[in-house]
Amino acid sequence: MVDDWRGHHLSAPPRGYHWVQTGGDYVLVAITTGIILQVLLGN
């Protein structure tokens, strides 16, 4: 889980979501269901 989303140049997660880092990619995931809202692929 990414606590410092600003430091990673990510947008603020909507209520009920959090950013998760997997390798060089970031995934915006719903906390309760695990549904993925957005994926940002690293370079």
C-alpha atoms as a PDB file:
ATOM      1  CA  MET A   1       0.000   0.000   0.000  1.00  0.00           C
ATOM      2  CA  VAL A   2       1.278   3.486  -0.872  1.00  0.00           C
ATOM      3  CA  ASP A   3       0.855   5.871   2.085  1.00  0.00           C
ATOM      4  CA  ASP A   4       2.688   8.812   0.471  1.00  0.00           C
ATOM      5  CA  TRP A   5       0.763   9.091  -2.805  1.00  0.00           C
ATOM      6  CA  ARG A   6       1.915  12.700  -3.278  1.00  0.00           C
ATOM      7  CA  GLY A   7       5.551  11.621  -3.069  1.00  0.00           C
ATOM      8  CA  HIS A   8       4.883   9.119  -5.851  1.00  0.00           C
ATOM      9  CA  HIS A   9       3.156  11.816  -7.985  1.00  0.00           C
ATOM     10  CA  LEU A  10      -0.228  10.074  -7.789  1.00  0.00           C
ATOM     11  CA  SER A  11      -3.656  11.681  -7.517  1.00  0.00           C
ATOM     12  CA  ALA A  12      -5.515  11.569  -4.223  1.00  0.00           C
ATOM     13  CA  PRO A  13      -7.398   8.280  -3.945  1.00  0.00           C
ATOM     14  CA  PRO A  14     -11.180   8.627  -3.742  1.00  0.00           C
ATOM     15  CA  ARG A  15     -12.835   7.707  -0.467  1.00  0.00           C
ATOM     16  CA  GLY A  16     -12.799   3.933  -0.057  1.00  0.00           C
ATOM     17  CA  TYR A  17      -9.772   3.378  -2.330  1.00  0.00           C
ATOM     18  CA  HIS A  18      -6.005   3.186  -1.864  1.00  0.00           C
ATOM     19  CA  TRP A  19      -2.964   3.026  -4.097  1.00  0.00           C
ATOM     20  CA  VAL A  20      -0.961  -0.208  -4.199  1.00  0.00           C
ATOM     21  CA  GLN A  21       2.496  -0.464  -5.759  1.00  0.00           C
ATOM     22  CA  THR A  22       3.411  -3.627  -7.600  1.00  0.00           C
ATOM     23  CA  GLY A  23       6.895  -3.480  -9.060  1.00  0.00           C
ATOM     24  CA  GLY A  24       7.100  -0.171 -10.934  1.00  0.00           C
ATOM     25  CA  ASP A  25       3.331   0.052 -11.451  1.00  0.00           C
ATOM     26  CA  TYR A  26       0.562   1.561  -9.322  1.00  0.00           C
ATOM     27  CA  VAL A  27      -2.974   0.240  -8.950  1.00  0.00           C
ATOM     28  CA  LEU A  28      -5.918   2.108  -7.425  1.00  0.00           C
ATOM     29  CA  VAL A  29      -7.929  -0.533  -5.553  1.00  0.00           C
ATOM     30  CA  ALA A  30     -11.227  -0.467  -3.657  1.00  0.00           C
ATOM     31  CA  ILE A  31     -10.486  -1.235  -0.011  1.00  0.00           C
ATOM     32  CA  THR A  32     -13.574  -3.390   0.651  1.00  0.00           C
ATOM     33  CA  THR A  33     -13.951  -5.279  -2.652  1.00  0.00           C
ATOM     34  CA  GLY A  34     -10.500  -5.264  -4.247  1.00  0.00           C
ATOM     35  CA  ILE A  35     -11.954  -3.958  -7.515  1.00  0.00           C
ATOM     36  CA  ILE A  36      -9.345  -2.100  -9.577  1.00  0.00           C
ATOM     37  CA  LEU A  37     -10.364   1.411 -10.613  1.00  0.00           C
ATOM     38  CA  GLN A  38      -7.153   2.547 -12.311  1.00  0.00           C
ATOM     39  CA  VAL A  39      -3.739   1.202 -13.320  1.00  0.00           C
ATOM     40  CA  LEU A  40      -0.657   3.389 -13.938  1.00  0.00           C
ATOM     41  CA  LEU A  41       2.151   1.551 -15.658  1.00  0.00           C
ATOM     42  CA  GLY A  42       5.720   2.560 -14.836  1.00  0.00           C
ATOM     43  CA  ASN A  43       8.269   3.330 -17.510  1.00  0.00           C
END
